[in-house]
Amino acid sequence: MALKQIKNKIVSTLKTGKVTKAMESVSAVKMRKSQAKAIVGRPYVRSALHILGQLAASQEGLTHPLAQSRGGNKRLLVIVTSDKGLAGSVNSSVLKCVTQALATADVSSYDAVCIGRKAVEFCKRNNVPVVHAFTNISDDVALADVDEITELVLKGFALGEYNHVHVIYQNFISTFEQEPVKRQLLPLNIGEIEEIMSGIRLKNEPAEVTSTQLAGTTTYTVEPSPAAVLDTLIPQLVQVMIYHALIESKASEHSARMVAMKNATDKSKEVAKALTLKFNKARQAAITAEVSEISGGIEAMK
């Protein structure tokens, strides 16, 4: 490789490193905000699921329409991904989980609610019907942001269009660790509620806390009637579960992107160093060749 080509590659690599360094800094700021939001929201989500678990285990909860499987043969998947790439395996892991879910039945028996452009693109590639697509959702996710999603889910299930509704998202564990999970939203399932609760770790909480310990044995006195309370409460708690999926996904996305950009920056430095060494060797070889030619010419003139 010519010296000029090597030098151009060094310049190009260093420029790429500057871009990834800037993206790393931006992602680090977003990561801290999204992680803080996810951690702060976890006690609320866990308390809400605690109440839902208690009520769902009651006789009224078990016979509630939202706790009964419908007769339809279609399933609805709520797929949560990011709008942008360059975030490591965050999106690919979620989409792999979706692929595994689709493999259990014919694709035509599934509909999808896509949150994020990557989910929309995946469904188009795999011919999965998209009921609705939500993109460019702000990092400052609020409960109001999931109202339309919740309404779609509840309406489709209540009308008997779907016999099951699942949400697939990236669960945030730490800056360097995220896990794709698939959770059943409807019909209500006590086992699924406990699974979600056991996956929610509060700050400085020991890992030995179990779902049984979280469920507790609280007894509620329900007024005006269990049916009236459940009709209002269950849709709100389904909304909380979707909200939880979104904030966990946002925290996972920015954490993974920050790590990916840091790795890219470090790699660009390594490549630039290796190219610089190669450039110096090539330049030294060219200088040595020129000196040899001059020495040979002088000797020939004697």
C-alpha atoms as a PDB file:
ATOM      1  CA  MET A   1       0.000   0.000   0.000  1.00  0.00           C
ATOM      2  CA  ALA A   2       1.357   3.428  -0.947  1.00  0.00           C
ATOM      3  CA  LEU A   3       2.289   5.961   1.720  1.00  0.00           C
ATOM      4  CA  LYS A   4      -0.463   8.340   0.612  1.00  0.00           C
ATOM      5  CA  GLN A   5      -3.103   5.628   0.889  1.00  0.00           C
ATOM      6  CA  ILE A   6      -1.953   4.709   4.398  1.00  0.00           C
ATOM      7  CA  LYS A   7      -1.958   8.360   5.451  1.00  0.00           C
ATOM      8  CA  ASN A   8      -5.483   8.826   4.084  1.00  0.00           C
ATOM      9  CA  LYS A   9      -6.663   5.774   6.012  1.00  0.00           C
ATOM     10  CA  ILE A  10      -5.135   7.155   9.223  1.00  0.00           C
ATOM     11  CA  VAL A  11      -6.904  10.506   8.733  1.00  0.00           C
ATOM     12  CA  SER A  12     -10.201   8.745   7.942  1.00  0.00           C
ATOM     13  CA  THR A  13      -9.914   6.472  10.988  1.00  0.00           C
ATOM     14  CA  LEU A  14      -9.183   9.392  13.328  1.00  0.00           C
ATOM     15  CA  LYS A  15     -12.177  11.321  11.957  1.00  0.00           C
ATOM     16  CA  THR A  16     -14.405   8.296  12.539  1.00  0.00           C
ATOM     17  CA  GLY A  17     -13.036   8.092  16.085  1.00  0.00           C
ATOM     18  CA  LYS A  18     -14.007  11.721  16.710  1.00  0.00           C
ATOM     19  CA  VAL A  19     -17.563  11.023  15.525  1.00  0.00           C
ATOM     20  CA  THR A  20     -17.947   7.920  17.714  1.00  0.00           C
ATOM     21  CA  LYS A  21     -16.459   9.803  20.678  1.00  0.00           C
ATOM     22  CA  ALA A  22     -19.068  12.544  20.264  1.00  0.00           C
ATOM     23  CA  MET A  23     -21.835   9.934  19.980  1.00  0.00           C
ATOM     24  CA  GLU A  24     -20.482   8.219  23.088  1.00  0.00           C
ATOM     25  CA  SER A  25     -20.698  11.485  25.048  1.00  0.00           C
ATOM     26  CA  VAL A  26     -24.268  12.145  23.896  1.00  0.00           C
ATOM     27  CA  SER A  27     -25.315   8.568  24.673  1.00  0.00           C
ATOM     28  CA  ALA A  28     -23.705   8.775  28.129  1.00  0.00           C
ATOM     29  CA  VAL A  29     -25.894  11.761  29.039  1.00  0.00           C
ATOM     30  CA  LYS A  30     -29.044  10.079  27.691  1.00  0.00           C
ATOM     31  CA  MET A  31     -28.063   6.838  29.397  1.00  0.00           C
ATOM     32  CA  ARG A  32     -27.831   8.461  32.835  1.00  0.00           C
ATOM     33  CA  LYS A  33     -31.238  10.107  32.406  1.00  0.00           C
ATOM     34  CA  SER A  34     -32.970   6.973  31.089  1.00  0.00           C
ATOM     35  CA  GLN A  35     -31.400   4.737  33.736  1.00  0.00           C
ATOM     36  CA  ALA A  36     -32.477   7.129  36.484  1.00  0.00           C
ATOM     37  CA  LYS A  37     -36.035   7.194  35.077  1.00  0.00           C
ATOM     38  CA  ALA A  38     -36.174   3.402  34.868  1.00  0.00           C
ATOM     39  CA  ILE A  39     -34.869   2.927  38.416  1.00  0.00           C
ATOM     40  CA  VAL A  40     -37.112   5.629  39.895  1.00  0.00           C
ATOM     41  CA  GLY A  41     -40.182   4.130  38.184  1.00  0.00           C
ATOM     42  CA  ARG A  42     -39.547   0.575  39.352  1.00  0.00           C
ATOM     43  CA  PRO A  43     -41.049   0.898  42.867  1.00  0.00           C
ATOM     44  CA  TYR A  44     -44.261   2.285  41.345  1.00  0.00           C
ATOM     45  CA  VAL A  45     -44.429  -0.492  38.758  1.00  0.00           C
ATOM     46  CA  ARG A  46     -43.752  -3.173  41.355  1.00  0.00           C
ATOM     47  CA  SER A  47     -46.434  -1.804  43.716  1.00  0.00           C
ATOM     48  CA  ALA A  48     -48.947  -1.671  40.883  1.00  0.00           C
ATOM     49  CA  LEU A  49     -48.156  -5.238  39.858  1.00  0.00           C
ATOM     50  CA  HIS A  50     -48.362  -6.311  43.505  1.00  0.00           C
ATOM     51  CA  ILE A  51     -51.938  -5.015  43.669  1.00  0.00           C
ATOM     52  CA  LEU A  52     -52.737  -6.589  40.296  1.00  0.00           C
ATOM     53  CA  GLY A  53     -51.372  -9.938  41.446  1.00  0.00           C
ATOM     54  CA  GLN A  54     -53.488  -9.879  44.592  1.00  0.00           C
ATOM     55  CA  LEU A  55     -56.682  -8.961  42.750  1.00  0.00           C
ATOM     56  CA  ALA A  56     -56.035 -11.321  39.848  1.00  0.00           C
ATOM     57  CA  ALA A  57     -55.716 -14.197  42.323  1.00  0.00           C
ATOM     58  CA  SER A  58     -59.166 -13.469  43.780  1.00  0.00           C
ATOM     59  CA  GLN A  59     -62.285 -15.238  42.552  1.00  0.00           C
ATOM     60  CA  GLU A  60     -63.511 -12.061  40.841  1.00  0.00           C
ATOM     61  CA  GLY A  61     -60.108 -11.556  39.219  1.00  0.00           C
ATOM     62  CA  LEU A  62     -59.949 -15.090  37.853  1.00  0.00           C
ATOM     63  CA  THR A  63     -63.396 -14.740  36.260  1.00  0.00           C
ATOM     64  CA  HIS A  64     -62.890 -11.216  34.911  1.00  0.00           C
ATOM     65  CA  PRO A  65     -63.208 -10.960  31.090  1.00  0.00           C
ATOM     66  CA  LEU A  66     -59.616  -9.694  30.816  1.00  0.00           C
ATOM     67  CA  ALA A  67     -58.403 -12.790  32.639  1.00  0.00           C
ATOM     68  CA  GLN A  68     -60.170 -15.207  30.269  1.00  0.00           C
ATOM     69  CA  SER A  69     -58.669 -16.420  27.007  1.00  0.00           C
ATOM     70  CA  ARG A  70     -60.684 -15.434  23.947  1.00  0.00           C
ATOM     71  CA  GLY A  71     -61.914 -17.753  21.258  1.00  0.00           C
ATOM     72  CA  GLY A  72     -60.030 -16.132  18.396  1.00  0.00           C
ATOM     73  CA  ASN A  73     -57.001 -17.779  16.810  1.00  0.00           C
ATOM     74  CA  LYS A  74     -54.890 -14.629  16.405  1.00  0.00           C
ATOM     75  CA  ARG A  75     -52.250 -13.233  18.730  1.00  0.00           C
ATOM     76  CA  LEU A  76     -51.017  -9.688  19.131  1.00  0.00           C
ATOM     77  CA  LEU A  77     -47.341  -8.883  19.678  1.00  0.00           C
ATOM     78  CA  VAL A  78     -46.306  -5.507  21.084  1.00  0.00           C
ATOM     79  CA  ILE A  79     -42.700  -5.207  19.862  1.00  0.00           C
ATOM     80  CA  VAL A  80     -40.541  -2.546  21.530  1.00  0.00           C
ATOM     81  CA  THR A  81     -37.327  -1.532  19.747  1.00  0.00           C
ATOM     82  CA  SER A  82     -35.421   1.693  19.077  1.00  0.00           C
ATOM     83  CA  ASP A  83     -35.761   4.050  16.127  1.00  0.00           C
ATOM     84  CA  LYS A  84     -32.009   4.166  15.507  1.00  0.00           C
ATOM     85  CA  GLY A  85     -29.254   1.602  15.209  1.00  0.00           C
ATOM     86  CA  LEU A  86     -25.644   1.625  16.428  1.00  0.00           C
ATOM     87  CA  ALA A  87     -26.811   0.181  19.747  1.00  0.00           C
ATOM     88  CA  GLY A  88     -25.058  -3.164  19.826  1.00  0.00           C
ATOM     89  CA  SER A  89     -27.334  -6.191  20.013  1.00  0.00           C
ATOM     90  CA  VAL A  90     -30.274  -4.432  21.708  1.00  0.00           C
ATOM     91  CA  ASN A  91     -32.576  -4.553  18.685  1.00  0.00           C
ATOM     92  CA  SER A  92     -31.295  -7.796  17.179  1.00  0.00           C
ATOM     93  CA  SER A  93     -31.862  -9.633  20.493  1.00  0.00           C
ATOM     94  CA  VAL A  94     -35.463  -8.422  20.712  1.00  0.00           C
ATOM     95  CA  LEU A  95     -36.124  -9.284  17.063  1.00  0.00           C
ATOM     96  CA  LYS A  96     -34.588 -12.725  17.567  1.00  0.00           C
ATOM     97  CA  CYS A  97     -37.066 -13.238  20.411  1.00  0.00           C
ATOM     98  CA  VAL A  98     -39.869 -12.150  18.055  1.00  0.00           C
ATOM     99  CA  THR A  99     -38.644 -14.628  15.430  1.00  0.00           C
ATOM    100  CA  GLN A 100     -38.792 -17.431  17.999  1.00  0.00           C
ATOM    101  CA  ALA A 101     -42.356 -16.417  18.915  1.00  0.00           C
ATOM    102  CA  LEU A 102     -43.411 -16.366  15.250  1.00  0.00           C
ATOM    103  CA  ALA A 103     -41.927 -19.831  14.754  1.00  0.00           C
ATOM    104  CA  THR A 104     -44.514 -21.347  17.119  1.00  0.00           C
ATOM    105  CA  ALA A 105     -47.369 -20.728  14.656  1.00  0.00           C
ATOM    106  CA  ASP A 106     -48.095 -19.460  11.176  1.00  0.00           C
ATOM    107  CA  VAL A 107     -47.138 -15.813  10.637  1.00  0.00           C
ATOM    108  CA  SER A 108     -50.689 -15.042   9.475  1.00  0.00           C
ATOM    109  CA  SER A 109     -51.975 -15.811  12.985  1.00  0.00           C
ATOM    110  CA  TYR A 110     -50.044 -12.836  14.385  1.00  0.00           C
ATOM    111  CA  ASP A 111     -50.581  -9.093  14.311  1.00  0.00           C
ATOM    112  CA  ALA A 112     -48.072  -6.576  15.629  1.00  0.00           C
ATOM    113  CA  VAL A 113     -48.059  -3.212  17.348  1.00  0.00           C
ATOM    114  CA  CYS A 114     -44.612  -1.826  16.571  1.00  0.00           C
ATOM    115  CA  ILE A 115     -42.850   0.666  18.816  1.00  0.00           C
ATOM    116  CA  GLY A 116     -39.699   1.888  17.074  1.00  0.00           C
ATOM    117  CA  ARG A 117     -38.620   1.888  13.419  1.00  0.00           C
ATOM    118  CA  LYS A 118     -36.549  -1.285  13.753  1.00  0.00           C
ATOM    119  CA  ALA A 119     -39.682  -3.229  14.692  1.00  0.00           C
ATOM    120  CA  VAL A 120     -41.595  -1.754  11.742  1.00  0.00           C
ATOM    121  CA  GLU A 121     -38.813  -2.682   9.300  1.00  0.00           C
ATOM    122  CA  PHE A 122     -38.633  -6.211  10.733  1.00  0.00           C
ATOM    123  CA  CYS A 123     -42.379  -6.792  10.349  1.00  0.00           C
ATOM    124  CA  LYS A 124     -42.332  -5.521   6.765  1.00  0.00           C
ATOM    125  CA  ARG A 125     -39.461  -7.891   5.912  1.00  0.00           C
ATOM    126  CA  ASN A 126     -41.232 -10.850   7.483  1.00  0.00           C
ATOM    127  CA  ASN A 127     -44.764 -10.044   6.249  1.00  0.00           C
ATOM    128  CA  VAL A 128     -46.174  -9.612   9.758  1.00  0.00           C
ATOM    129  CA  PRO A 129     -49.319  -7.411   9.646  1.00  0.00           C
ATOM    130  CA  VAL A 130     -48.745  -4.160  11.542  1.00  0.00           C
ATOM    131  CA  VAL A 131     -51.875  -2.905  13.324  1.00  0.00           C
ATOM    132  CA  HIS A 132     -50.225   0.353  14.332  1.00  0.00           C
ATOM    133  CA  ALA A 133     -46.698   1.766  14.393  1.00  0.00           C
ATOM    134  CA  PHE A 134     -45.386   4.231  16.972  1.00  0.00           C
ATOM    135  CA  THR A 135     -42.082   5.943  16.208  1.00  0.00           C
ATOM    136  CA  ASN A 136     -40.049   8.840  17.574  1.00  0.00           C
ATOM    137  CA  ILE A 137     -41.315   8.339  21.126  1.00  0.00           C
ATOM    138  CA  SER A 138     -39.500  10.755  23.432  1.00  0.00           C
ATOM    139  CA  ASP A 139     -36.917   9.493  25.922  1.00  0.00           C
ATOM    140  CA  ASP A 140     -38.997  11.202  28.625  1.00  0.00           C
ATOM    141  CA  VAL A 141     -41.668   8.517  28.445  1.00  0.00           C
ATOM    142  CA  ALA A 142     -44.821   9.326  30.409  1.00  0.00           C
ATOM    143  CA  LEU A 143     -47.885   7.224  31.145  1.00  0.00           C
ATOM    144  CA  ALA A 144     -49.869   9.427  28.762  1.00  0.00           C
ATOM    145  CA  ASP A 145     -47.539   8.337  25.932  1.00  0.00           C
ATOM    146  CA  VAL A 146     -48.834   4.773  26.152  1.00  0.00           C
ATOM    147  CA  ASP A 147     -52.569   5.627  26.291  1.00  0.00           C
ATOM    148  CA  GLU A 148     -53.134   4.894  22.606  1.00  0.00           C
ATOM    149  CA  ILE A 149     -51.111   1.690  22.735  1.00  0.00           C
ATOM    150  CA  THR A 150     -53.048   0.486  25.780  1.00  0.00           C
ATOM    151  CA  GLU A 151     -56.375   1.333  24.140  1.00  0.00           C
ATOM    152  CA  LEU A 152     -55.462  -0.669  21.033  1.00  0.00           C
ATOM    153  CA  VAL A 153     -54.429  -3.673  23.110  1.00  0.00           C
ATOM    154  CA  LEU A 154     -57.495  -3.661  25.361  1.00  0.00           C
ATOM    155  CA  LYS A 155     -59.943  -3.036  22.522  1.00  0.00           C
ATOM    156  CA  GLY A 156     -58.525  -5.819  20.353  1.00  0.00           C
ATOM    157  CA  PHE A 157     -58.641  -8.300  23.219  1.00  0.00           C
ATOM    158  CA  ALA A 158     -62.088  -7.241  24.481  1.00  0.00           C
ATOM    159  CA  LEU A 159     -63.616  -7.609  21.003  1.00  0.00           C
ATOM    160  CA  GLY A 160     -62.204 -11.115  20.713  1.00  0.00           C
ATOM    161  CA  GLU A 161     -59.834 -10.274  17.862  1.00  0.00           C
ATOM    162  CA  TYR A 162     -56.904 -11.754  19.815  1.00  0.00           C
ATOM    163  CA  ASN A 163     -56.750 -14.627  22.255  1.00  0.00           C
ATOM    164  CA  HIS A 164     -53.368 -13.562  23.678  1.00  0.00           C
ATOM    165  CA  VAL A 165     -51.380 -10.327  23.837  1.00  0.00           C
ATOM    166  CA  HIS A 166     -47.627 -10.388  24.492  1.00  0.00           C
ATOM    167  CA  VAL A 167     -45.049  -7.627  24.832  1.00  0.00           C
ATOM    168  CA  ILE A 168     -41.424  -8.216  23.794  1.00  0.00           C
ATOM    169  CA  TYR A 169     -38.811  -5.729  24.950  1.00  0.00           C
ATOM    170  CA  GLN A 170     -35.255  -5.362  26.267  1.00  0.00           C
ATOM    171  CA  ASN A 171     -35.103  -5.556  30.062  1.00  0.00           C
ATOM    172  CA  PHE A 172     -32.461  -3.301  31.623  1.00  0.00           C
ATOM    173  CA  ILE A 173     -30.179  -5.077  34.113  1.00  0.00           C
ATOM    174  CA  SER A 174     -27.055  -2.902  34.118  1.00  0.00           C
ATOM    175  CA  THR A 175     -25.060  -0.621  31.822  1.00  0.00           C
ATOM    176  CA  PHE A 176     -23.300  -3.641  30.338  1.00  0.00           C
ATOM    177  CA  GLU A 177     -26.133  -6.161  30.522  1.00  0.00           C
ATOM    178  CA  GLN A 178     -29.609  -6.224  29.011  1.00  0.00           C
ATOM    179  CA  GLU A 179     -31.956  -9.145  28.462  1.00  0.00           C
ATOM    180  CA  PRO A 180     -34.749  -9.557  25.886  1.00  0.00           C
ATOM    181  CA  VAL A 181     -37.956 -10.774  27.513  1.00  0.00           C
ATOM    182  CA  LYS A 182     -41.416 -11.804  26.342  1.00  0.00           C
ATOM    183  CA  ARG A 183     -44.284 -11.143  28.756  1.00  0.00           C
ATOM    184  CA  GLN A 184     -47.990 -11.915  28.527  1.00  0.00           C
ATOM    185  CA  LEU A 185     -50.177  -8.837  28.955  1.00  0.00           C
ATOM    186  CA  LEU A 186     -53.572 -10.446  28.351  1.00  0.00           C
ATOM    187  CA  PRO A 187     -55.263 -12.558  29.514  1.00  0.00           C
ATOM    188  CA  LEU A 188     -54.032 -11.772  33.010  1.00  0.00           C
ATOM    189  CA  ASN A 189     -51.777 -14.497  34.307  1.00  0.00           C
ATOM    190  CA  ILE A 190     -50.520 -14.591  37.898  1.00  0.00           C
ATOM    191  CA  GLY A 191     -47.364 -16.453  36.874  1.00  0.00           C
ATOM    192  CA  GLU A 192     -46.497 -13.777  34.296  1.00  0.00           C
ATOM    193  CA  ILE A 193     -47.108 -10.995  36.828  1.00  0.00           C
ATOM    194  CA  GLU A 194     -44.734 -12.679  39.269  1.00  0.00           C
ATOM    195  CA  GLU A 195     -42.154 -13.093  36.500  1.00  0.00           C
ATOM    196  CA  ILE A 196     -42.239  -9.369  35.741  1.00  0.00           C
ATOM    197  CA  MET A 197     -42.023  -8.507  39.444  1.00  0.00           C
ATOM    198  CA  SER A 198     -39.086 -10.848  40.022  1.00  0.00           C
ATOM    199  CA  GLY A 199     -37.243  -9.161  37.140  1.00  0.00           C
ATOM    200  CA  ILE A 200     -37.629  -5.699  38.715  1.00  0.00           C
ATOM    201  CA  ARG A 201     -34.647  -4.995  40.932  1.00  0.00           C
ATOM    202  CA  LEU A 202     -34.737  -1.922  43.108  1.00  0.00           C
ATOM    203  CA  LYS A 203     -31.564   0.015  43.880  1.00  0.00           C
ATOM    204  CA  ASN A 204     -29.319  -1.758  46.433  1.00  0.00           C
ATOM    205  CA  GLU A 205     -31.790  -4.624  46.713  1.00  0.00           C
ATOM    206  CA  PRO A 206     -30.313  -8.122  47.265  1.00  0.00           C
ATOM    207  CA  ALA A 207     -30.739 -10.557  44.394  1.00  0.00           C
ATOM    208  CA  GLU A 208     -32.242 -13.154  46.772  1.00  0.00           C
ATOM    209  CA  VAL A 209     -35.648 -11.403  46.795  1.00  0.00           C
ATOM    210  CA  THR A 210     -38.117 -13.851  45.249  1.00  0.00           C
ATOM    211  CA  SER A 211     -41.417 -13.363  43.489  1.00  0.00           C
ATOM    212  CA  THR A 212     -43.174 -15.141  46.387  1.00  0.00           C
ATOM    213  CA  GLN A 213     -41.749 -12.620  48.845  1.00  0.00           C
ATOM    214  CA  LEU A 214     -42.836  -9.800  46.569  1.00  0.00           C
ATOM    215  CA  ALA A 215     -46.380 -11.097  46.228  1.00  0.00           C
ATOM    216  CA  GLY A 216     -47.063 -11.104  49.966  1.00  0.00           C
ATOM    217  CA  THR A 217     -50.349 -12.096  51.577  1.00  0.00           C
ATOM    218  CA  THR A 218     -52.193  -8.763  51.793  1.00  0.00           C
ATOM    219  CA  THR A 219     -55.990  -8.979  51.922  1.00  0.00           C
ATOM    220  CA  TYR A 220     -58.003  -6.135  50.372  1.00  0.00           C
ATOM    221  CA  THR A 221     -61.507  -4.920  51.146  1.00  0.00           C
ATOM    222  CA  VAL A 222     -62.889  -3.801  47.790  1.00  0.00           C
ATOM    223  CA  GLU A 223     -65.572  -1.121  47.403  1.00  0.00           C
ATOM    224  CA  PRO A 224     -68.015  -0.441  45.795  1.00  0.00           C
ATOM    225  CA  SER A 225     -67.659  -3.938  44.292  1.00  0.00           C
ATOM    226  CA  PRO A 226     -64.815  -6.133  43.029  1.00  0.00           C
ATOM    227  CA  ALA A 227     -66.161  -6.034  39.456  1.00  0.00           C
ATOM    228  CA  ALA A 228     -66.363  -2.224  39.365  1.00  0.00           C
ATOM    229  CA  VAL A 229     -62.853  -1.833  40.780  1.00  0.00           C
ATOM    230  CA  LEU A 230     -61.352  -4.436  38.450  1.00  0.00           C
ATOM    231  CA  ASP A 231     -62.993  -2.833  35.384  1.00  0.00           C
ATOM    232  CA  THR A 232     -61.135   0.386  36.203  1.00  0.00           C
ATOM    233  CA  LEU A 233     -57.956  -0.985  37.720  1.00  0.00           C
ATOM    234  CA  ILE A 234     -56.948  -3.729  35.284  1.00  0.00           C
ATOM    235  CA  PRO A 235     -56.745  -1.453  32.192  1.00  0.00           C
ATOM    236  CA  GLN A 236     -54.628   0.997  34.213  1.00  0.00           C
ATOM    237  CA  LEU A 237     -52.292  -1.776  35.313  1.00  0.00           C
ATOM    238  CA  VAL A 238     -51.960  -3.085  31.744  1.00  0.00           C
ATOM    239  CA  GLN A 239     -50.950   0.469  30.866  1.00  0.00           C
ATOM    240  CA  VAL A 240     -48.327   0.353  33.648  1.00  0.00           C
ATOM    241  CA  MET A 241     -46.887  -2.886  32.236  1.00  0.00           C
ATOM    242  CA  ILE A 242     -46.531  -1.328  28.770  1.00  0.00           C
ATOM    243  CA  TYR A 243     -45.017   1.815  30.315  1.00  0.00           C
ATOM    244  CA  HIS A 244     -42.528  -0.361  32.193  1.00  0.00           C
ATOM    245  CA  ALA A 245     -41.535  -2.064  28.934  1.00  0.00           C
ATOM    246  CA  LEU A 246     -40.874   1.307  27.280  1.00  0.00           C
ATOM    247  CA  ILE A 247     -38.717   2.820  30.032  1.00  0.00           C
ATOM    248  CA  GLU A 248     -36.716  -0.388  30.387  1.00  0.00           C
ATOM    249  CA  SER A 249     -36.178  -0.458  26.622  1.00  0.00           C
ATOM    250  CA  LYS A 250     -35.032   3.183  26.577  1.00  0.00           C
ATOM    251  CA  ALA A 251     -32.531   2.565  29.376  1.00  0.00           C
ATOM    252  CA  SER A 252     -31.220  -0.527  27.569  1.00  0.00           C
ATOM    253  CA  GLU A 253     -30.934   1.295  24.242  1.00  0.00           C
ATOM    254  CA  HIS A 254     -28.858   4.233  25.493  1.00  0.00           C
ATOM    255  CA  SER A 255     -26.667   2.026  27.690  1.00  0.00           C
ATOM    256  CA  ALA A 256     -25.900  -0.324  24.808  1.00  0.00           C
ATOM    257  CA  ARG A 257     -25.257   2.571  22.395  1.00  0.00           C
ATOM    258  CA  MET A 258     -22.855   4.237  24.838  1.00  0.00           C
ATOM    259  CA  VAL A 259     -20.904   0.991  25.253  1.00  0.00           C
ATOM    260  CA  ALA A 260     -20.914   0.344  21.480  1.00  0.00           C
ATOM    261  CA  MET A 261     -19.618   3.849  20.710  1.00  0.00           C
ATOM    262  CA  LYS A 262     -16.922   3.544  23.390  1.00  0.00           C
ATOM    263  CA  ASN A 263     -15.772   0.261  21.876  1.00  0.00           C
ATOM    264  CA  ALA A 264     -15.784   1.850  18.400  1.00  0.00           C
ATOM    265  CA  THR A 265     -13.711   4.808  19.669  1.00  0.00           C
ATOM    266  CA  ASP A 266     -11.184   2.504  21.328  1.00  0.00           C
ATOM    267  CA  LYS A 267     -10.981   0.383  18.183  1.00  0.00           C
ATOM    268  CA  SER A 268     -10.392   3.425  15.977  1.00  0.00           C
ATOM    269  CA  LYS A 269      -7.454   4.391  18.184  1.00  0.00           C
ATOM    270  CA  GLU A 270      -6.012   0.888  17.862  1.00  0.00           C
ATOM    271  CA  VAL A 271      -6.430   0.887  14.082  1.00  0.00           C
ATOM    272  CA  ALA A 272      -4.879   4.371  13.781  1.00  0.00           C
ATOM    273  CA  LYS A 273      -1.918   3.239  15.896  1.00  0.00           C
ATOM    274  CA  ALA A 274      -1.409   0.130  13.755  1.00  0.00           C
ATOM    275  CA  LEU A 275      -1.663   2.168  10.545  1.00  0.00           C
ATOM    276  CA  THR A 276       0.802   4.741  11.897  1.00  0.00           C
ATOM    277  CA  LEU A 277       3.288   1.965  12.618  1.00  0.00           C
ATOM    278  CA  LYS A 278       2.750   0.582   9.126  1.00  0.00           C
ATOM    279  CA  PHE A 279       3.185   4.087   7.661  1.00  0.00           C
ATOM    280  CA  ASN A 280       6.468   4.611   9.543  1.00  0.00           C
ATOM    281  CA  LYS A 281       7.801   1.250   8.383  1.00  0.00           C
ATOM    282  CA  ALA A 282       6.846   1.954   4.774  1.00  0.00           C
ATOM    283  CA  ARG A 283       8.385   5.432   4.940  1.00  0.00           C
ATOM    284  CA  GLN A 284      11.593   4.048   6.454  1.00  0.00           C
ATOM    285  CA  ALA A 285      11.741   1.402   3.748  1.00  0.00           C
ATOM    286  CA  ALA A 286      11.317   4.094   1.064  1.00  0.00           C
ATOM    287  CA  ILE A 287      14.068   6.227   2.651  1.00  0.00           C
ATOM    288  CA  THR A 288      16.383   3.224   2.862  1.00  0.00           C
ATOM    289  CA  ALA A 289      15.703   2.413  -0.793  1.00  0.00           C
ATOM    290  CA  GLU A 290      16.466   5.998  -1.833  1.00  0.00           C
ATOM    291  CA  VAL A 291      19.704   6.044   0.190  1.00  0.00           C
ATOM    292  CA  SER A 292      20.707   2.745  -1.401  1.00  0.00           C
ATOM    293  CA  GLU A 293      20.009   4.122  -4.877  1.00  0.00           C
ATOM    294  CA  ILE A 294      22.075   7.262  -4.155  1.00  0.00           C
ATOM    295  CA  SER A 295      24.942   5.231  -2.716  1.00  0.00           C
ATOM    296  CA  GLY A 296      24.810   2.896  -5.696  1.00  0.00           C
ATOM    297  CA  GLY A 297      24.867   5.847  -8.104  1.00  0.00           C
ATOM    298  CA  ILE A 298      27.878   7.393  -6.365  1.00  0.00           C
ATOM    299  CA  GLU A 299      29.708   4.103  -6.476  1.00  0.00           C
ATOM    300  CA  ALA A 300      28.934   3.726 -10.183  1.00  0.00           C
ATOM    301  CA  MET A 301      30.318   7.223 -10.932  1.00  0.00           C
ATOM    302  CA  LYS A 302      33.693   6.497  -9.295  1.00  0.00           C
END
